[in-house]
Amino acid sequence: MVIMLTLGLMSPVMNNIGPVAILFPAVVSVARSMNIASSILLIPMAFTSLVDEKMTLIGTPHNILATSI
């Protein structure tokens, strides 16, 4: 949950690849320590990143272009 909140704060101001790359090792480590498949945590992390980047105008280049039209 803490990782998703951290990602939620990072994704609106960065491209979604950066925060995911930063948090990927931590998520895999947490999954290993909990003895669960890492996909159980990685899929929600990817979804959170994709949704959060759409929150602000600077999250994606598409949003920046849409506001200038």
C-alpha atoms as a PDB file:
ATOM      1  CA  MET A   1       0.000   0.000   0.000  1.00  0.00           C
ATOM      2  CA  VAL A   2       2.829   2.395   0.840  1.00  0.00           C
ATOM      3  CA  ILE A   3       4.448   1.683  -2.520  1.00  0.00           C
ATOM      4  CA  MET A   4       1.214   2.469  -4.366  1.00  0.00           C
ATOM      5  CA  LEU A   5       0.820   5.753  -2.465  1.00  0.00           C
ATOM      6  CA  THR A   6       4.420   6.687  -3.288  1.00  0.00           C
ATOM      7  CA  LEU A   7       3.777   5.883  -6.923  1.00  0.00           C
ATOM      8  CA  GLY A   8       0.575   7.915  -6.759  1.00  0.00           C
ATOM      9  CA  LEU A   9       2.545  10.953  -5.672  1.00  0.00           C
ATOM     10  CA  MET A  10       5.314  10.495  -8.254  1.00  0.00           C
ATOM     11  CA  SER A  11       3.327   9.625 -11.384  1.00  0.00           C
ATOM     12  CA  PRO A  12       1.411  12.884 -11.887  1.00  0.00           C
ATOM     13  CA  VAL A  13       4.644  14.880 -12.203  1.00  0.00           C
ATOM     14  CA  MET A  14       6.815  12.327 -13.994  1.00  0.00           C
ATOM     15  CA  ASN A  15       6.384  10.111 -17.007  1.00  0.00           C
ATOM     16  CA  ASN A  16       5.034   6.747 -15.839  1.00  0.00           C
ATOM     17  CA  ILE A  17       8.201   4.823 -16.714  1.00  0.00           C
ATOM     18  CA  GLY A  18      10.418   6.653 -14.208  1.00  0.00           C
ATOM     19  CA  PRO A  19       8.484   5.970 -11.002  1.00  0.00           C
ATOM     20  CA  VAL A  20       7.831   2.369 -12.012  1.00  0.00           C
ATOM     21  CA  ALA A  21      11.536   1.817 -12.705  1.00  0.00           C
ATOM     22  CA  ILE A  22      12.445   3.347  -9.352  1.00  0.00           C
ATOM     23  CA  LEU A  23       9.954   1.258  -7.366  1.00  0.00           C
ATOM     24  CA  PHE A  24      10.278  -2.008  -9.346  1.00  0.00           C
ATOM     25  CA  PRO A  25      13.124  -3.482  -7.238  1.00  0.00           C
ATOM     26  CA  ALA A  26      11.313  -2.638  -4.003  1.00  0.00           C
ATOM     27  CA  VAL A  27       8.092  -4.281  -5.176  1.00  0.00           C
ATOM     28  CA  VAL A  28       9.882  -7.444  -6.295  1.00  0.00           C
ATOM     29  CA  SER A  29      11.713  -7.565  -2.955  1.00  0.00           C
ATOM     30  CA  VAL A  30       8.480  -7.185  -0.998  1.00  0.00           C
ATOM     31  CA  ALA A  31       6.836  -9.910  -3.068  1.00  0.00           C
ATOM     32  CA  ARG A  32       9.747 -12.282  -2.407  1.00  0.00           C
ATOM     33  CA  SER A  33       9.690 -11.582   1.319  1.00  0.00           C
ATOM     34  CA  MET A  34       5.940 -12.259   1.421  1.00  0.00           C
ATOM     35  CA  ASN A  35       6.342 -15.436  -0.683  1.00  0.00           C
ATOM     36  CA  ILE A  36       3.844 -14.309  -3.311  1.00  0.00           C
ATOM     37  CA  ALA A  37       4.108 -13.938  -7.060  1.00  0.00           C
ATOM     38  CA  SER A  38       5.519 -10.544  -7.954  1.00  0.00           C
ATOM     39  CA  SER A  39       2.805 -10.077 -10.589  1.00  0.00           C
ATOM     40  CA  ILE A  40       0.258  -9.717  -7.788  1.00  0.00           C
ATOM     41  CA  LEU A  41       1.946  -6.443  -6.840  1.00  0.00           C
ATOM     42  CA  LEU A  42       3.368  -5.375 -10.207  1.00  0.00           C
ATOM     43  CA  ILE A  43       0.079  -5.324 -12.111  1.00  0.00           C
ATOM     44  CA  PRO A  44      -1.632  -2.912  -9.666  1.00  0.00           C
ATOM     45  CA  MET A  45       1.545  -0.807  -9.672  1.00  0.00           C
ATOM     46  CA  ALA A  46       1.450  -0.500 -13.459  1.00  0.00           C
ATOM     47  CA  PHE A  47      -2.254   0.354 -13.419  1.00  0.00           C
ATOM     48  CA  THR A  48      -1.732   2.986 -10.715  1.00  0.00           C
ATOM     49  CA  SER A  49       1.042   4.584 -12.740  1.00  0.00           C
ATOM     50  CA  LEU A  50      -1.031   4.728 -15.915  1.00  0.00           C
ATOM     51  CA  VAL A  51      -4.051   6.237 -14.167  1.00  0.00           C
ATOM     52  CA  ASP A  52      -2.066   8.738 -12.100  1.00  0.00           C
ATOM     53  CA  GLU A  53      -0.124  10.194 -15.007  1.00  0.00           C
ATOM     54  CA  LYS A  54      -3.409  11.352 -16.528  1.00  0.00           C
ATOM     55  CA  MET A  55      -4.203  13.472 -13.435  1.00  0.00           C
ATOM     56  CA  THR A  56      -2.238  16.566 -14.406  1.00  0.00           C
ATOM     57  CA  LEU A  57      -1.390  18.470 -17.547  1.00  0.00           C
ATOM     58  CA  ILE A  58       2.322  17.758 -17.175  1.00  0.00           C
ATOM     59  CA  GLY A  59       1.931  14.003 -16.688  1.00  0.00           C
ATOM     60  CA  THR A  60       2.102  13.155 -20.386  1.00  0.00           C
ATOM     61  CA  PRO A  61       3.063  14.939 -23.588  1.00  0.00           C
ATOM     62  CA  HIS A  62      -0.436  14.260 -24.906  1.00  0.00           C
ATOM     63  CA  ASN A  63      -1.954  16.349 -22.125  1.00  0.00           C
ATOM     64  CA  ILE A  64       0.433  19.211 -22.835  1.00  0.00           C
ATOM     65  CA  LEU A  65      -0.466  19.167 -26.531  1.00  0.00           C
ATOM     66  CA  ALA A  66      -4.191  18.978 -25.810  1.00  0.00           C
ATOM     67  CA  THR A  67      -4.082  22.108 -23.665  1.00  0.00           C
ATOM     68  CA  SER A  68      -2.277  24.105 -26.338  1.00  0.00           C
ATOM     69  CA  ILE A  69      -4.972  23.493 -28.966  1.00  0.00           C
END
